[in-house]
PDB file of N, CA and C in Angstrom:
ATOM      1  N   MET A   1      42.248  73.986  59.008  1.00  0.00           N
ATOM      2  CA  MET A   1      41.552  75.223  58.561  1.00  0.00           C
ATOM      3  C   MET A   1      40.671  74.968  59.981  1.00  0.00           C
ATOM      4  N   ALA A   2      40.915  76.601  60.803  1.00  0.00           N
ATOM      5  CA  ALA A   2      39.504  76.892  61.843  1.00  0.00           C
ATOM      6  C   ALA A   2      37.974  77.083  61.590  1.00  0.00           C
ATOM      7  N   ALA A   3      37.293  76.774  62.287  1.00  0.00           N
ATOM      8  CA  ALA A   3      35.795  77.109  61.715  1.00  0.00           C
ATOM      9  C   ALA A   3      35.687  78.711  61.213  1.00  0.00           C
ATOM     10  N   ASP A   4      36.250  79.229  62.492  1.00  0.00           N
ATOM     11  CA  ASP A   4      36.108  80.582  61.858  1.00  0.00           C
ATOM     12  C   ASP A   4      36.799  81.370  60.946  1.00  0.00           C
ATOM     13  N   ASP A   5      37.584  80.762  60.319  1.00  0.00           N
ATOM     14  CA  ASP A   5      38.224  81.479  59.015  1.00  0.00           C
ATOM     15  C   ASP A   5      37.474  81.504  57.957  1.00  0.00           C
ATOM     16  N   ARG A   6      35.914  80.921  57.958  1.00  0.00           N
ATOM     17  CA  ARG A   6      35.450  81.387  56.983  1.00  0.00           C
ATOM     18  C   ARG A   6      34.140  82.022  57.053  1.00  0.00           C
ATOM     19  N   LEU A   7      34.714  82.948  58.128  1.00  0.00           N
ATOM     20  CA  LEU A   7      33.276  83.958  58.729  1.00  0.00           C
ATOM     21  C   LEU A   7      33.938  85.725  57.934  1.00  0.00           C
ATOM     22  N   THR A   8      32.774  85.879  57.371  1.00  0.00           N
ATOM     23  CA  THR A   8      32.807  87.324  57.079  1.00  0.00           C
ATOM     24  C   THR A   8      33.210  88.315  58.322  1.00  0.00           C
ATOM     25  N   SER A   9      33.975  89.217  58.097  1.00  0.00           N
ATOM     26  CA  SER A   9      34.298  90.422  59.372  1.00  0.00           C
ATOM     27  C   SER A   9      33.116  90.968  60.411  1.00  0.00           C
ATOM     28  N   SER A  10      31.791  90.800  59.455  1.00  0.00           N
ATOM     29  CA  SER A  10      30.624  91.078  60.883  1.00  0.00           C
ATOM     30  C   SER A  10      30.450  89.667  61.047  1.00  0.00           C
ATOM     31  N   GLU A  11      30.627  89.000  60.901  1.00  0.00           N
ATOM     32  CA  GLU A  11      29.917  87.898  61.551  1.00  0.00           C
ATOM     33  C   GLU A  11      31.440  87.071  62.609  1.00  0.00           C
ATOM     34  N   SER A  12      32.452  87.709  62.573  1.00  0.00           N
ATOM     35  CA  SER A  12      33.281  87.102  63.302  1.00  0.00           C
ATOM     36  C   SER A  12      33.410  88.387  64.442  1.00  0.00           C
ATOM     37  N   GLU A  13      33.099  89.740  64.128  1.00  0.00           N
ATOM     38  CA  GLU A  13      32.778  90.934  64.946  1.00  0.00           C
ATOM     39  C   GLU A  13      31.930  90.205  65.949  1.00  0.00           C
ATOM     40  N   LEU A  14      30.665  89.899  65.437  1.00  0.00           N
ATOM     41  CA  LEU A  14      29.464  89.104  66.063  1.00  0.00           C
ATOM     42  C   LEU A  14      29.644  87.966  67.099  1.00  0.00           C
ATOM     43  N   ALA A  15      30.471  87.020  66.558  1.00  0.00           N
ATOM     44  CA  ALA A  15      30.791  86.319  67.723  1.00  0.00           C
ATOM     45  C   ALA A  15      31.695  86.592  68.576  1.00  0.00           C
ATOM     46  N   TRP A  16      32.345  87.614  68.398  1.00  0.00           N
ATOM     47  CA  TRP A  16      33.422  88.182  69.476  1.00  0.00           C
ATOM     48  C   TRP A  16      32.601  88.468  70.783  1.00  0.00           C
ATOM     49  N   ARG A  17      31.409  89.664  69.964  1.00  0.00           N
ATOM     50  CA  ARG A  17      30.487  90.586  70.961  1.00  0.00           C
ATOM     51  C   ARG A  17      30.029  89.610  71.613  1.00  0.00           C
ATOM     52  N   LEU A  18      29.426  88.317  70.840  1.00  0.00           N
ATOM     53  CA  LEU A  18      28.399  87.483  71.914  1.00  0.00           C
ATOM     54  C   LEU A  18      29.278  86.539  72.817  1.00  0.00           C
ATOM     55  N   ARG A  19      30.481  86.298  72.754  1.00  0.00           N
ATOM     56  CA  ARG A  19      31.262  85.048  73.293  1.00  0.00           C
ATOM     57  C   ARG A  19      31.332  86.344  74.571  1.00  0.00           C
ATOM     58  N   GLU A  20      31.833  87.857  74.465  1.00  0.00           N
ATOM     59  CA  GLU A  20      31.704  88.523  75.402  1.00  0.00           C
ATOM     60  C   GLU A  20      30.551  88.727  76.402  1.00  0.00           C
ATOM     61  N   ALA A  21      29.527  88.744  75.628  1.00  0.00           N
ATOM     62  CA  ALA A  21      28.228  88.892  76.566  1.00  0.00           C
ATOM     63  C   ALA A  21      28.061  87.675  76.961  1.00  0.00           C
ATOM     64  N   HIS A  22      28.731  86.710  76.921  1.00  0.00           N
ATOM     65  CA  HIS A  22      28.331  85.121  77.524  1.00  0.00           C
ATOM     66  C   HIS A  22      29.162  85.374  78.778  1.00  0.00           C
ATOM     67  N   ARG A  23      30.249  86.011  78.663  1.00  0.00           N
ATOM     68  CA  ARG A  23      31.471  86.605  79.725  1.00  0.00           C
ATOM     69  C   ARG A  23      30.638  87.220  80.952  1.00  0.00           C
ATOM     70  N   ARG A  24      30.027  88.376  80.131  1.00  0.00           N
ATOM     71  CA  ARG A  24      29.626  89.398  81.364  1.00  0.00           C
ATOM     72  C   ARG A  24      28.409  88.875  81.906  1.00  0.00           C
ATOM     73  N   VAL A  25      27.701  87.843  81.606  1.00  0.00           N
ATOM     74  CA  VAL A  25      26.254  86.924  82.155  1.00  0.00           C
ATOM     75  C   VAL A  25      26.484  86.211  83.117  1.00  0.00           C
ATOM     76  N   ARG A  26      27.795  85.795  82.806  1.00  0.00           N
ATOM     77  CA  ARG A  26      28.382  84.863  83.980  1.00  0.00           C
ATOM     78  C   ARG A  26      28.979  85.608  85.378  1.00  0.00           C
ATOM     79  N   SER A  27      29.328  86.807  84.858  1.00  0.00           N
ATOM     80  CA  SER A  27      30.798  87.336  86.114  1.00  0.00           C
ATOM     81  C   SER A  27      29.580  88.291  86.581  1.00  0.00           C
ATOM     82  N   LEU A  28      28.178  88.179  86.326  1.00  0.00           N
ATOM     83  CA  LEU A  28      27.238  89.192  87.105  1.00  0.00           C
ATOM     84  C   LEU A  28      27.093  88.985  88.509  1.00  0.00           C
ATOM     85  N   HIS A  29      26.733  89.470  89.289  1.00  0.00           N
ATOM     86  CA  HIS A  29      26.397  89.036  90.923  1.00  0.00           C
ATOM     87  C   HIS A  29      24.938  89.358  90.626  1.00  0.00           C
ATOM     88  N   VAL A  30      24.122  88.969  90.119  1.00  0.00           N
ATOM     89  CA  VAL A  30      22.067  88.626  90.515  1.00  0.00           C
ATOM     90  C   VAL A  30      22.193  87.090  90.711  1.00  0.00           C
ATOM     91  N   SER A  31      20.495  87.202  91.261  1.00  0.00           N
ATOM     92  CA  SER A  31      19.636  86.231  91.771  1.00  0.00           C
ATOM     93  C   SER A  31      19.793  84.848  90.760  1.00  0.00           C
ATOM     94  N   VAL A  32      19.752  83.952  90.617  1.00  0.00           N
ATOM     95  CA  VAL A  32      19.710  82.592  89.899  1.00  0.00           C
ATOM     96  C   VAL A  32      18.671  82.702  88.864  1.00  0.00           C
ATOM     97  N   GLU A  33      17.660  83.524  89.128  1.00  0.00           N
ATOM     98  CA  GLU A  33      16.638  83.657  88.754  1.00  0.00           C
ATOM     99  C   GLU A  33      16.890  84.819  87.411  1.00  0.00           C
ATOM    100  N   GLU A  34      17.367  85.655  87.493  1.00  0.00           N
ATOM    101  CA  GLU A  34      17.565  86.737  86.702  1.00  0.00           C
ATOM    102  C   GLU A  34      19.165  86.548  85.854  1.00  0.00           C
ATOM    103  N   ARG A  35      19.812  85.554  86.658  1.00  0.00           N
ATOM    104  CA  ARG A  35      21.011  84.692  85.786  1.00  0.00           C
ATOM    105  C   ARG A  35      20.348  83.995  84.538  1.00  0.00           C
ATOM    106  N   LYS A  36      19.297  82.978  85.008  1.00  0.00           N
ATOM    107  CA  LYS A  36      18.920  82.051  84.035  1.00  0.00           C
ATOM    108  C   LYS A  36      18.291  82.819  82.938  1.00  0.00           C
ATOM    109  N   ARG A  37      17.074  84.526  83.627  1.00  0.00           N
ATOM    110  CA  ARG A  37      16.347  85.131  82.337  1.00  0.00           C
ATOM    111  C   ARG A  37      17.559  85.649  81.288  1.00  0.00           C
ATOM    112  N   LEU A  38      18.767  86.415  82.215  1.00  0.00           N
ATOM    113  CA  LEU A  38      20.125  86.835  81.104  1.00  0.00           C
ATOM    114  C   LEU A  38      19.788  86.260  79.883  1.00  0.00           C
ATOM    115  N   THR A  39      20.312  84.885  80.599  1.00  0.00           N
ATOM    116  CA  THR A  39      20.721  83.165  79.472  1.00  0.00           C
ATOM    117  C   THR A  39      19.991  83.218  78.342  1.00  0.00           C
ATOM    118  N   ARG A  40      18.834  83.149  79.024  1.00  0.00           N
ATOM    119  CA  ARG A  40      17.696  81.989  77.741  1.00  0.00           C
ATOM    120  C   ARG A  40      17.484  83.607  76.635  1.00  0.00           C
ATOM    121  N   ARG A  41      17.717  84.894  77.401  1.00  0.00           N
ATOM    122  CA  ARG A  41      17.556  85.835  76.215  1.00  0.00           C
ATOM    123  C   ARG A  41      19.234  86.114  75.643  1.00  0.00           C
ATOM    124  N   LEU A  42      20.120  85.493  76.253  1.00  0.00           N
ATOM    125  CA  LEU A  42      21.557  85.822  75.245  1.00  0.00           C
ATOM    126  C   LEU A  42      20.925  84.710  74.091  1.00  0.00           C
ATOM    127  N   LEU A  43      20.434  83.325  74.843  1.00  0.00           N
ATOM    128  CA  LEU A  43      20.652  82.375  73.398  1.00  0.00           C
ATOM    129  C   LEU A  43      19.544  81.908  72.367  1.00  0.00           C
ATOM    130  N   ALA A  44      18.487  83.065  72.829  1.00  0.00           N
ATOM    131  CA  ALA A  44      17.885  83.446  71.781  1.00  0.00           C
ATOM    132  C   ALA A  44      18.429  84.271  70.685  1.00  0.00           C
ATOM    133  N   ILE A  45      19.352  84.946  71.383  1.00  0.00           N
ATOM    134  CA  ILE A  45      20.026  86.295  70.242  1.00  0.00           C
ATOM    135  C   ILE A  45      20.778  85.253  69.000  1.00  0.00           C
ATOM    136  N   CYS A  46      21.704  84.346  70.226  1.00  0.00           N
ATOM    137  CA  CYS A  46      22.658  83.540  69.200  1.00  0.00           C
ATOM    138  C   CYS A  46      22.193  82.750  68.046  1.00  0.00           C
ATOM    139  N   ASP A  47      20.682  82.382  68.359  1.00  0.00           N
ATOM    140  CA  ASP A  47      19.490  81.311  67.738  1.00  0.00           C
ATOM    141  C   ASP A  47      19.181  82.500  66.579  1.00  0.00           C
ATOM    142  N   MET A  48      19.067  83.299  66.944  1.00  0.00           N
ATOM    143  CA  MET A  48      18.804  84.434  65.795  1.00  0.00           C
ATOM    144  C   MET A  48      19.825  84.951  64.887  1.00  0.00           C
ATOM    145  N   ALA A  49      20.952  84.943  65.744  1.00  0.00           N
ATOM    146  CA  ALA A  49      22.109  85.366  64.386  1.00  0.00           C
ATOM    147  C   ALA A  49      22.702  83.977  63.485  1.00  0.00           C
ATOM    148  N   LYS A  50      22.035  83.348  63.469  1.00  0.00           N
ATOM    149  CA  LYS A  50      22.173  81.959  62.454  1.00  0.00           C
ATOM    150  C   LYS A  50      21.290  82.374  61.307  1.00  0.00           C
ATOM    151  N   ARG A  51      19.962  82.907  61.233  1.00  0.00           N
ATOM    152  CA  ARG A  51      19.355  83.372  60.376  1.00  0.00           C
ATOM    153  C   ARG A  51      19.244  84.478  59.685  1.00  0.00           C
ATOM    154  N   ASP A  52      19.117  85.870  60.612  1.00  0.00           N
ATOM    155  CA  ASP A  52      19.433  87.189  60.479  1.00  0.00           C
ATOM    156  C   ASP A  52      20.384  88.093  61.521  1.00  0.00           C
ATOM    157  N   LEU A  53      21.445  87.976  60.926  1.00  0.00           N
ATOM    158  CA  LEU A  53      22.707  88.915  61.452  1.00  0.00           C
ATOM    159  C   LEU A  53      22.561  90.045  61.655  1.00  0.00           C
ATOM    160  N   ASP A  54      21.736  90.786  61.353  1.00  0.00           N
ATOM    161  CA  ASP A  54      21.550  92.157  61.477  1.00  0.00           C
ATOM    162  C   ASP A  54      20.494  92.420  62.444  1.00  0.00           C
ATOM    163  N   HIS A  55      19.418  91.678  62.135  1.00  0.00           N
ATOM    164  CA  HIS A  55      17.922  91.614  63.646  1.00  0.00           C
ATOM    165  C   HIS A  55      19.537  91.273  64.874  1.00  0.00           C
ATOM    166  N   ALA A  56      19.955  90.200  64.386  1.00  0.00           N
ATOM    167  CA  ALA A  56      20.337  89.576  66.131  1.00  0.00           C
ATOM    168  C   ALA A  56      21.953  90.762  66.536  1.00  0.00           C
ATOM    169  N   THR A  57      22.488  91.305  65.649  1.00  0.00           N
ATOM    170  CA  THR A  57      23.497  92.568  66.168  1.00  0.00           C
ATOM    171  C   THR A  57      22.144  93.903  67.253  1.00  0.00           C
ATOM    172  N   GLY A  58      21.356  93.862  66.528  1.00  0.00           N
ATOM    173  CA  GLY A  58      20.840  94.684  67.053  1.00  0.00           C
ATOM    174  C   GLY A  58      20.182  94.334  67.946  1.00  0.00           C
ATOM    175  N   ARG A  59      19.685  93.262  68.050  1.00  0.00           N
ATOM    176  CA  ARG A  59      18.981  92.394  69.416  1.00  0.00           C
ATOM    177  C   ARG A  59      19.897  92.690  70.500  1.00  0.00           C
ATOM    178  N   LEU A  60      21.358  92.160  70.308  1.00  0.00           N
ATOM    179  CA  LEU A  60      22.306  92.471  71.383  1.00  0.00           C
ATOM    180  C   LEU A  60      23.293  93.595  71.445  1.00  0.00           C
ATOM    181  N   ASP A  61      22.806  94.305  70.839  1.00  0.00           N
ATOM    182  CA  ASP A  61      22.836  96.180  71.473  1.00  0.00           C
ATOM    183  C   ASP A  61      22.042  96.107  72.499  1.00  0.00           C
ATOM    184  N   LEU A  62      20.998  95.975  71.950  1.00  0.00           N
ATOM    185  CA  LEU A  62      20.048  96.442  73.494  1.00  0.00           C
ATOM    186  C   LEU A  62      20.460  95.419  74.462  1.00  0.00           C
ATOM    187  N   PHE A  63      20.323  94.225  74.258  1.00  0.00           N
ATOM    188  CA  PHE A  63      20.974  93.611  75.424  1.00  0.00           C
ATOM    189  C   PHE A  63      22.179  93.645  76.417  1.00  0.00           C
ATOM    190  N   LEU A  64      23.259  94.109  75.590  1.00  0.00           N
ATOM    191  CA  LEU A  64      24.276  94.350  76.081  1.00  0.00           C
ATOM    192  C   LEU A  64      23.998  95.844  77.083  1.00  0.00           C
ATOM    193  N   LEU A  65      23.135  97.231  76.520  1.00  0.00           N
ATOM    194  CA  LEU A  65      22.760  98.066  76.971  1.00  0.00           C
ATOM    195  C   LEU A  65      22.062  97.670  78.339  1.00  0.00           C
ATOM    196  N   SER A  66      20.801  96.748  78.216  1.00  0.00           N
ATOM    197  CA  SER A  66      20.547  96.299  79.618  1.00  0.00           C
ATOM    198  C   SER A  66      21.051  95.596  80.172  1.00  0.00           C
ATOM    199  N   ILE A  67      22.397  95.073  80.231  1.00  0.00           N
ATOM    200  CA  ILE A  67      23.308  94.188  81.145  1.00  0.00           C
ATOM    201  C   ILE A  67      24.055  96.137  81.779  1.00  0.00           C
ATOM    202  N   ASP A  68      24.309  96.798  80.703  1.00  0.00           N
ATOM    203  CA  ASP A  68      24.833  97.797  81.474  1.00  0.00           C
ATOM    204  C   ASP A  68      24.300  98.466  82.670  1.00  0.00           C
ATOM    205  N   VAL A  69      22.704  98.835  82.228  1.00  0.00           N
ATOM    206  CA  VAL A  69      22.033  99.573  83.386  1.00  0.00           C
ATOM    207  C   VAL A  69      21.980  98.695  84.504  1.00  0.00           C
ATOM    208  N   LEU A  70      21.956  97.184  84.106  1.00  0.00           N
ATOM    209  CA  LEU A  70      21.605  96.055  85.843  1.00  0.00           C
ATOM    210  C   LEU A  70      22.842  96.408  86.739  1.00  0.00           C
ATOM    211  N   VAL A  71      24.539  96.410  86.011  1.00  0.00           N
ATOM    212  CA  VAL A  71      25.484  96.504  86.802  1.00  0.00           C
ATOM    213  C   VAL A  71      25.543  98.000  87.114  1.00  0.00           C
ATOM    214  N   SER A  72      24.693  99.198  86.447  1.00  0.00           N
ATOM    215  CA  SER A  72      25.296 100.425  87.328  1.00  0.00           C
ATOM    216  C   SER A  72      23.987 101.189  88.670  1.00  0.00           C
ATOM    217  N   ASP A  73      23.124  99.679  87.939  1.00  0.00           N
ATOM    218  CA  ASP A  73      22.212  99.811  89.219  1.00  0.00           C
ATOM    219  C   ASP A  73      22.283  98.998  90.672  1.00  0.00           C
ATOM    220  N   THR A  74      23.371  98.344  90.722  1.00  0.00           N
ATOM    221  CA  THR A  74      23.769  97.688  91.789  1.00  0.00           C
ATOM    222  C   THR A  74      24.472  98.220  92.316  1.00  0.00           C
ATOM    223  N   PRO A  75      24.035  98.432  93.919  1.00  0.00           N
ATOM    224  CA  PRO A  75      24.739  98.979  94.863  1.00  0.00           C
ATOM    225  C   PRO A  75      26.237  98.003  95.204  1.00  0.00           C
ATOM    226  N   SER A  76      27.195  99.542  94.976  1.00  0.00           N
ATOM    227  CA  SER A  76      28.471  98.977  95.746  1.00  0.00           C
ATOM    228  C   SER A  76      29.048  99.896  95.917  1.00  0.00           C
ATOM    229  N   THR A  77      29.758  99.628  97.179  1.00  0.00           N
ATOM    230  CA  THR A  77      30.258 100.717  98.282  1.00  0.00           C
ATOM    231  C   THR A  77      32.008 100.560  98.238  1.00  0.00           C
ATOM    232  N   GLY A  78      32.918  99.801  97.012  1.00  0.00           N
ATOM    233  CA  GLY A  78      33.730  99.409  97.735  1.00  0.00           C
ATOM    234  C   GLY A  78      34.657 100.476  96.846  1.00  0.00           C
ATOM    235  N   ASN A  79      34.087 100.955  96.140  1.00  0.00           N
ATOM    236  CA  ASN A  79      34.666 102.532  95.638  1.00  0.00           C
ATOM    237  C   ASN A  79      34.338 103.888  96.184  1.00  0.00           C
ATOM    238  N   ILE A  80      33.785 103.655  97.360  1.00  0.00           N
ATOM    239  CA  ILE A  80      32.939 104.985  97.904  1.00  0.00           C
ATOM    240  C   ILE A  80      33.756 105.405  99.099  1.00  0.00           C
ATOM    241  N   ALA A  81      34.283 106.480  99.205  1.00  0.00           N
ATOM    242  CA  ALA A  81      35.277 106.793 100.400  1.00  0.00           C
ATOM    243  C   ALA A  81      33.810 107.141 101.288  1.00  0.00           C
ATOM    244  N   GLU A  82      34.152 107.010 102.761  1.00  0.00           N
ATOM    245  CA  GLU A  82      33.462 107.142 103.728  1.00  0.00           C
ATOM    246  C   GLU A  82      33.403 108.863 103.801  1.00  0.00           C
ATOM    247  N   GLY A  83      31.880 109.159 103.957  1.00  0.00           N
ATOM    248  CA  GLY A  83      32.109 110.660 104.176  1.00  0.00           C
ATOM    249  C   GLY A  83      31.592 111.557 102.842  1.00  0.00           C
ATOM    250  N   ASP A  84      31.688 110.756 102.082  1.00  0.00           N
ATOM    251  CA  ASP A  84      31.436 111.718 100.925  1.00  0.00           C
ATOM    252  C   ASP A  84      29.941 111.512 100.177  1.00  0.00           C
TER     253      ASP A  84
END
């Protein structure tokens, strides 16, 4: 029996979202200091999930929003045609 077989659907959903958040942090093109800050924040959310699932879910929602903002603020010219 796998360890995640005993998880409720909400626990399983949060676990999947936490794994996805870790993946997103690893793939960000940010400074080492920024990546460390984001990783510490994410680890705090993981720790909170052990005690308070609802609180951790709310904090994860805000964390993912902050990553979305960080990504949208990152300048990228790869998809912009010259002259536009």
